[in-house]
Amino acid sequence: MMVGGGAREGGARKRVWRLSKLTCASFWIPRVAARACVPLQVQVPCNDCDGTGEIIDPKHKCKVCNAKKVVSERKVLEVHIDKGMKGGQQITFSGESDQAPNTIPGDVIIVVEEKPHELFRRRGDNLFCEVTIDLLTALGGGELSILHLDERALHVTLKPGEVIKDGALKRIEGQGMPSYRHHELGDLYVKLNVSFPESIPKELIPHLEQALPARTKATTYPPAIHVDEVGLSEPTEREKQSHQNGAGGGNDDGMDDDDEEGGGPQVQCAQRPSPFLSLLLLARRRRRR
């Protein structure tokens, strides 16, 4: 913060010496500096007046600022976050930046940054979340609850007979984020993930056959098509991760590993020239002859 003029006030008269161009060389002194073996002429502030053009008598210097005309001060700025503000919005405090003599102070700008939440994701004024339900609830109905951001719990009842498919997207109206300034509430979108059991007892399968639609029969083929009996097996964790990343099957991973580890010399197929290229080369040779 700027205080005073750097000279002590009181009974004694302030002595401020203003230097002329002859004394202070326009408050800037030219010097010659060498950079990359090339002499450069630069200007530096005067050591006596620091480029201000005036010198205060040491006897009359201010005890607080030591004739610097500024002092350090700690100030607490209270920031108000309005409802609906988004990440990247700015809050400006005009004229609250550092002050200096003969200088207009700048502004302090606060940038809002949203902290990620473990359950909710924000898109505009709408919220998105994922909830996992069991297979019985997905087929026969049930209940679920969602703990909201303002420490409220949303209770949802799934009607019996309504089949919830895995990955189904549902909407809860008016449970999203408030809009900025107008405070109109958006919607909450819930993605329902169905958790399937690891296994089912064989004695319960007839009950499932009575409750669920009939099985879809396998496709039949003409006698000319040979049919092989095969089985299903669980892929490894590495193969699952590779498939999720879109890198392909396990055989490609093995080939990539051999290339990265440098597993010995590899034979490359020789490229045979096309007949047209052979005829063209032969014609050029005959012309040269």
Protein backbone atom coordinates (compact mmCIF):
# COMPACT_ATOMS: atom_id res chain seq x y z
CA MET A 1 0.00 0.00 0.00
CA MET A 2 1.27 3.48 -0.82
CA VAL A 3 1.94 5.76 2.11
CA GLY A 4 3.30 9.32 2.23
CA GLY A 5 6.03 10.62 0.03
CA GLY A 6 8.89 8.78 1.64
CA ALA A 7 9.93 11.76 3.82
CA ARG A 8 9.27 12.18 7.51
CA GLU A 9 6.56 14.63 8.52
CA GLY A 10 6.88 16.88 11.57
CA GLY A 11 8.47 20.10 12.67
CA ALA A 12 11.49 19.67 10.41
CA ARG A 13 11.06 20.71 6.82
CA LYS A 14 11.17 17.91 4.27
CA ARG A 15 14.23 17.96 2.07
CA VAL A 16 13.64 16.43 -1.33
CA TRP A 17 16.48 16.85 -3.78
CA ARG A 18 15.40 16.70 -7.41
CA LEU A 19 18.27 15.89 -9.73
CA SER A 20 18.84 17.54 -13.06
CA LYS A 21 19.74 15.74 -16.28
CA LEU A 22 23.36 16.75 -15.81
CA THR A 23 23.48 15.27 -12.33
CA CYS A 24 21.55 12.07 -12.94
CA ALA A 25 21.80 11.66 -16.73
CA SER A 26 18.02 11.64 -17.13
CA PHE A 27 17.84 9.14 -14.29
CA TRP A 28 19.10 6.38 -16.62
CA ILE A 29 22.75 5.56 -17.25
CA PRO A 30 23.80 3.85 -20.48
CA ARG A 31 26.08 0.86 -20.05
CA VAL A 32 27.73 -1.50 -22.47
CA ALA A 33 27.12 -5.22 -21.98
CA ALA A 34 28.57 -8.14 -23.92
CA ARG A 35 26.26 -10.95 -24.95
CA ALA A 36 27.29 -13.76 -27.23
CA CYS A 37 30.49 -11.88 -28.14
CA VAL A 38 28.40 -8.95 -29.44
CA PRO A 39 28.60 -5.61 -27.53
CA LEU A 40 25.14 -4.30 -26.65
CA GLN A 41 24.27 -0.92 -25.16
CA VAL A 42 21.53 -1.10 -22.51
CA GLN A 43 20.11 1.39 -20.01
CA VAL A 44 20.01 0.75 -16.27
CA PRO A 45 18.47 2.86 -13.48
CA CYS A 46 20.63 5.31 -11.60
CA ASN A 47 22.03 3.83 -8.39
CA ASP A 48 21.43 7.06 -6.46
CA CYS A 49 17.77 7.73 -7.27
CA ASP A 50 16.67 4.31 -8.65
CA GLY A 51 15.35 6.06 -11.74
CA THR A 52 12.91 8.31 -9.85
CA GLY A 53 14.83 11.55 -10.33
CA GLU A 54 14.79 12.57 -6.67
CA ILE A 55 16.79 11.82 -3.54
CA ILE A 56 15.50 12.23 0.04
CA ASP A 57 17.80 13.36 2.80
CA PRO A 58 18.66 10.28 4.92
CA LYS A 59 17.85 12.27 8.07
CA HIS A 60 14.26 12.76 6.92
CA LYS A 61 13.52 9.31 5.53
CA CYS A 62 10.34 7.65 6.69
CA LYS A 63 10.98 5.07 9.40
CA VAL A 64 8.19 2.79 8.08
CA CYS A 65 8.86 2.63 4.35
CA ASN A 66 12.53 3.74 4.31
CA ALA A 67 11.70 6.24 1.53
CA LYS A 68 10.30 3.46 -0.70
CA LYS A 69 6.79 5.00 -0.50
CA VAL A 70 5.21 1.56 -0.12
CA VAL A 71 4.77 -0.85 2.79
CA SER A 72 3.78 -4.52 2.89
CA GLU A 73 0.30 -5.26 4.15
CA ARG A 74 -1.70 -8.47 4.48
CA LYS A 75 -5.34 -8.18 3.45
CA VAL A 76 -8.00 -10.88 3.47
CA LEU A 77 -10.37 -10.89 0.49
CA GLU A 78 -13.72 -12.58 1.02
CA VAL A 79 -14.81 -14.48 -2.09
CA HIS A 80 -18.52 -15.20 -2.57
CA ILE A 81 -19.32 -18.24 -4.72
CA ASP A 82 -22.78 -17.85 -6.18
CA LYS A 83 -25.03 -20.81 -6.94
CA GLY A 84 -24.52 -22.34 -10.36
CA MET A 85 -21.02 -20.97 -10.97
CA LYS A 86 -18.92 -23.17 -13.24
CA GLY A 87 -15.27 -23.98 -13.46
CA GLY A 88 -13.29 -21.28 -15.25
CA GLN A 89 -15.47 -18.36 -14.18
CA GLN A 90 -13.61 -15.36 -12.79
CA ILE A 91 -14.28 -13.14 -9.77
CA THR A 92 -12.52 -9.74 -10.02
CA PHE A 93 -11.49 -7.46 -7.15
CA SER A 94 -10.76 -4.12 -8.77
CA GLY A 95 -7.70 -2.19 -7.57
CA GLU A 96 -6.68 -4.81 -4.99
CA SER A 97 -3.35 -5.73 -6.57
CA ASP A 98 0.08 -4.38 -5.52
CA GLN A 99 0.38 -0.59 -5.40
CA ALA A 100 3.35 1.54 -6.43
CA PRO A 101 4.05 5.28 -6.76
CA ASN A 102 2.67 6.89 -9.94
CA THR A 103 1.10 3.55 -10.92
CA ILE A 104 -2.55 2.53 -11.15
CA PRO A 105 -2.98 -0.64 -9.10
CA GLY A 106 -4.12 -3.75 -10.94
CA ASP A 107 -6.90 -6.20 -10.13
CA VAL A 108 -6.96 -9.48 -8.23
CA ILE A 109 -8.70 -12.16 -10.31
CA ILE A 110 -9.98 -15.36 -8.68
CA VAL A 111 -10.59 -18.28 -11.08
CA VAL A 112 -13.15 -20.87 -9.95
CA GLU A 113 -12.01 -24.48 -10.28
CA GLU A 114 -14.44 -27.36 -9.79
CA LYS A 115 -13.25 -30.29 -7.73
CA PRO A 116 -14.16 -33.69 -9.25
CA HIS A 117 -16.78 -35.67 -7.33
CA GLU A 118 -16.62 -39.41 -6.74
CA LEU A 119 -20.21 -39.99 -7.86
CA PHE A 120 -21.53 -37.04 -9.87
CA ARG A 121 -20.31 -35.51 -13.13
CA ARG A 122 -21.49 -32.10 -14.26
CA ARG A 123 -22.46 -31.17 -17.81
CA GLY A 124 -23.83 -27.67 -17.88
CA ASP A 125 -26.72 -27.53 -15.42
CA ASN A 126 -27.30 -31.31 -15.52
CA LEU A 127 -25.74 -33.98 -13.34
CA PHE A 128 -24.81 -37.55 -14.31
CA CYS A 129 -24.17 -40.52 -12.03
CA GLU A 130 -24.00 -44.32 -12.17
CA VAL A 131 -25.81 -46.68 -9.78
CA THR A 132 -25.43 -50.47 -9.63
CA ILE A 133 -28.51 -52.64 -8.93
CA ASP A 134 -28.83 -56.41 -8.59
CA LEU A 135 -30.45 -58.67 -11.16
CA LEU A 136 -33.55 -59.32 -9.04
CA THR A 137 -34.22 -55.58 -8.72
CA ALA A 138 -33.70 -55.13 -12.44
CA LEU A 139 -36.25 -57.87 -13.25
CA GLY A 140 -38.75 -57.72 -10.40
CA GLY A 141 -38.54 -54.13 -9.20
CA GLY A 142 -37.18 -52.71 -5.96
CA GLU A 143 -35.74 -49.59 -4.38
CA LEU A 144 -32.55 -47.57 -4.56
CA SER A 145 -31.27 -44.37 -2.95
CA ILE A 146 -28.80 -41.68 -4.07
CA LEU A 147 -27.01 -39.34 -1.66
CA HIS A 148 -27.12 -35.88 -3.23
CA LEU A 149 -24.56 -33.06 -3.01
CA ASP A 150 -26.53 -31.05 -0.45
CA GLU A 151 -26.74 -33.98 1.99
CA ARG A 152 -30.18 -35.04 0.80
CA ALA A 153 -31.04 -38.62 -0.13
CA LEU A 154 -33.16 -39.35 -3.21
CA HIS A 155 -35.34 -42.46 -2.85
CA VAL A 156 -36.32 -44.15 -6.11
CA THR A 157 -38.85 -47.00 -6.45
CA LEU A 158 -38.62 -49.33 -9.45
CA LYS A 159 -42.02 -50.71 -10.39
CA PRO A 160 -42.38 -54.52 -10.47
CA GLY A 161 -42.69 -55.89 -13.98
CA GLU A 162 -40.56 -53.12 -15.52
CA VAL A 163 -37.36 -54.75 -16.75
CA ILE A 164 -34.28 -52.55 -16.35
CA LYS A 165 -31.63 -53.35 -18.92
CA ASP A 166 -27.94 -53.05 -18.17
CA GLY A 167 -26.76 -49.52 -18.98
CA ALA A 168 -30.28 -48.02 -19.05
CA LEU A 169 -30.36 -44.23 -18.66
CA LYS A 170 -33.08 -42.67 -16.53
CA ARG A 171 -33.84 -39.03 -15.67
CA ILE A 172 -34.86 -37.41 -12.37
CA GLU A 173 -36.33 -34.01 -13.16
CA GLY A 174 -35.26 -30.96 -11.19
CA GLN A 175 -32.41 -32.63 -9.27
CA GLY A 176 -29.48 -31.19 -11.21
CA MET A 177 -27.36 -28.08 -10.65
CA PRO A 178 -28.88 -24.59 -10.34
CA SER A 179 -28.26 -22.28 -13.25
CA TYR A 180 -26.07 -19.22 -12.73
CA ARG A 181 -27.97 -16.09 -11.57
CA HIS A 182 -31.44 -17.49 -12.37
CA HIS A 183 -30.97 -20.59 -10.14
CA GLU A 184 -33.20 -22.80 -12.28
CA LEU A 185 -32.49 -26.46 -11.52
CA GLY A 186 -31.33 -28.88 -14.18
CA ASP A 187 -31.96 -32.63 -14.28
CA LEU A 188 -30.18 -35.64 -12.81
CA TYR A 189 -29.43 -38.49 -15.24
CA VAL A 190 -28.84 -41.91 -13.70
CA LYS A 191 -27.18 -44.78 -15.54
CA LEU A 192 -28.27 -48.13 -14.09
CA ASN A 193 -25.70 -50.92 -14.19
CA VAL A 194 -27.06 -54.42 -13.53
CA SER A 195 -24.90 -56.72 -11.42
CA PHE A 196 -25.25 -60.37 -12.46
CA PRO A 197 -24.60 -63.26 -10.03
CA GLU A 198 -21.51 -65.41 -10.50
CA SER A 199 -23.55 -68.63 -10.63
CA ILE A 200 -27.09 -69.98 -10.10
CA PRO A 201 -28.01 -73.29 -8.43
CA LYS A 202 -29.20 -75.85 -10.95
CA GLU A 203 -32.37 -76.62 -8.98
CA LEU A 204 -33.54 -73.00 -9.50
CA ILE A 205 -33.21 -73.07 -13.27
CA PRO A 206 -36.71 -74.58 -13.81
CA HIS A 207 -38.20 -71.65 -11.88
CA LEU A 208 -36.35 -69.24 -14.14
CA GLU A 209 -37.64 -71.06 -17.18
CA GLN A 210 -41.18 -70.51 -15.94
CA ALA A 211 -40.67 -66.82 -15.18
CA LEU A 212 -38.53 -65.82 -18.15
CA PRO A 213 -39.26 -66.04 -21.89
CA ALA A 214 -38.24 -69.23 -23.69
CA ARG A 215 -34.64 -69.67 -24.75
CA THR A 216 -33.63 -68.59 -28.22
CA LYS A 217 -32.59 -71.66 -30.20
CA ALA A 218 -29.26 -71.76 -31.96
CA THR A 219 -29.15 -71.14 -35.71
CA THR A 220 -29.15 -74.30 -37.84
CA TYR A 221 -27.05 -74.67 -40.98
CA PRO A 222 -27.25 -76.81 -44.11
CA PRO A 223 -25.50 -80.24 -44.07
CA ALA A 224 -22.76 -78.86 -46.34
CA ILE A 225 -21.47 -76.63 -43.51
CA HIS A 226 -19.28 -78.41 -40.98
CA VAL A 227 -20.06 -77.51 -37.36
CA ASP A 228 -17.34 -77.71 -34.65
CA GLU A 229 -18.16 -78.08 -30.97
CA VAL A 230 -16.16 -75.50 -29.00
CA GLY A 231 -16.17 -74.12 -25.47
CA LEU A 232 -15.89 -70.70 -23.84
CA SER A 233 -13.06 -69.73 -21.49
CA GLU A 234 -12.21 -66.61 -19.50
CA PRO A 235 -9.57 -64.32 -21.06
CA THR A 236 -6.67 -63.09 -18.99
CA GLU A 237 -6.70 -59.67 -17.32
CA ARG A 238 -4.17 -58.43 -19.87
CA GLU A 239 -6.36 -59.54 -22.74
CA LYS A 240 -9.39 -57.85 -21.17
CA GLN A 241 -7.50 -54.60 -20.76
CA SER A 242 -6.16 -54.82 -24.31
CA HIS A 243 -9.65 -55.39 -25.67
CA GLN A 244 -11.06 -52.43 -23.72
CA ASN A 245 -8.32 -50.17 -25.07
CA GLY A 246 -9.08 -51.31 -28.62
CA ALA A 247 -5.71 -52.97 -29.20
CA GLY A 248 -7.14 -56.21 -30.52
CA GLY A 249 -6.74 -59.83 -29.44
CA GLY A 250 -4.09 -61.63 -27.47
CA ASN A 251 -2.08 -62.78 -30.48
CA ASP A 252 -1.30 -59.21 -31.47
CA ASP A 253 -0.05 -58.48 -27.95
CA GLY A 254 2.35 -61.41 -28.14
CA MET A 255 3.73 -60.20 -31.43
CA ASP A 256 4.17 -56.69 -30.03
CA ASP A 257 6.04 -58.07 -27.02
CA ASP A 258 8.45 -59.96 -29.24
CA ASP A 259 9.13 -56.81 -31.23
CA GLU A 260 9.70 -54.70 -28.12
CA GLU A 261 11.90 -57.28 -26.36
CA GLY A 262 13.96 -57.92 -29.48
CA GLY A 263 13.46 -61.68 -29.55
CA GLY A 264 16.07 -62.58 -32.17
CA PRO A 265 16.33 -61.94 -35.88
CA GLN A 266 13.21 -62.09 -37.97
CA VAL A 267 12.88 -63.16 -41.58
CA GLN A 268 11.35 -60.60 -43.89
CA CYS A 269 9.55 -61.51 -47.06
CA ALA A 270 11.38 -60.52 -50.24
CA GLN A 271 9.41 -58.13 -52.44
CA ARG A 272 9.06 -59.23 -56.03
CA PRO A 273 8.90 -56.48 -58.65
CA SER A 274 5.77 -56.24 -60.73
CA PRO A 275 5.87 -57.42 -64.39
CA PHE A 276 5.25 -53.89 -65.61
CA LEU A 277 8.26 -52.60 -63.64
CA SER A 278 10.44 -55.43 -65.01
CA LEU A 279 9.48 -54.59 -68.60
CA LEU A 280 10.17 -50.90 -67.97
CA LEU A 281 13.66 -51.63 -66.61
CA LEU A 282 14.41 -53.95 -69.54
CA ALA A 283 13.35 -51.27 -72.05
CA ARG A 284 15.63 -48.71 -70.43
CA ARG A 285 18.58 -51.08 -70.56
CA ARG A 286 18.06 -51.71 -74.29
CA ARG A 287 17.93 -47.99 -74.99
CA ARG A 288 21.22 -47.48 -73.21
CA ARG A 289 22.83 -50.21 -75.28
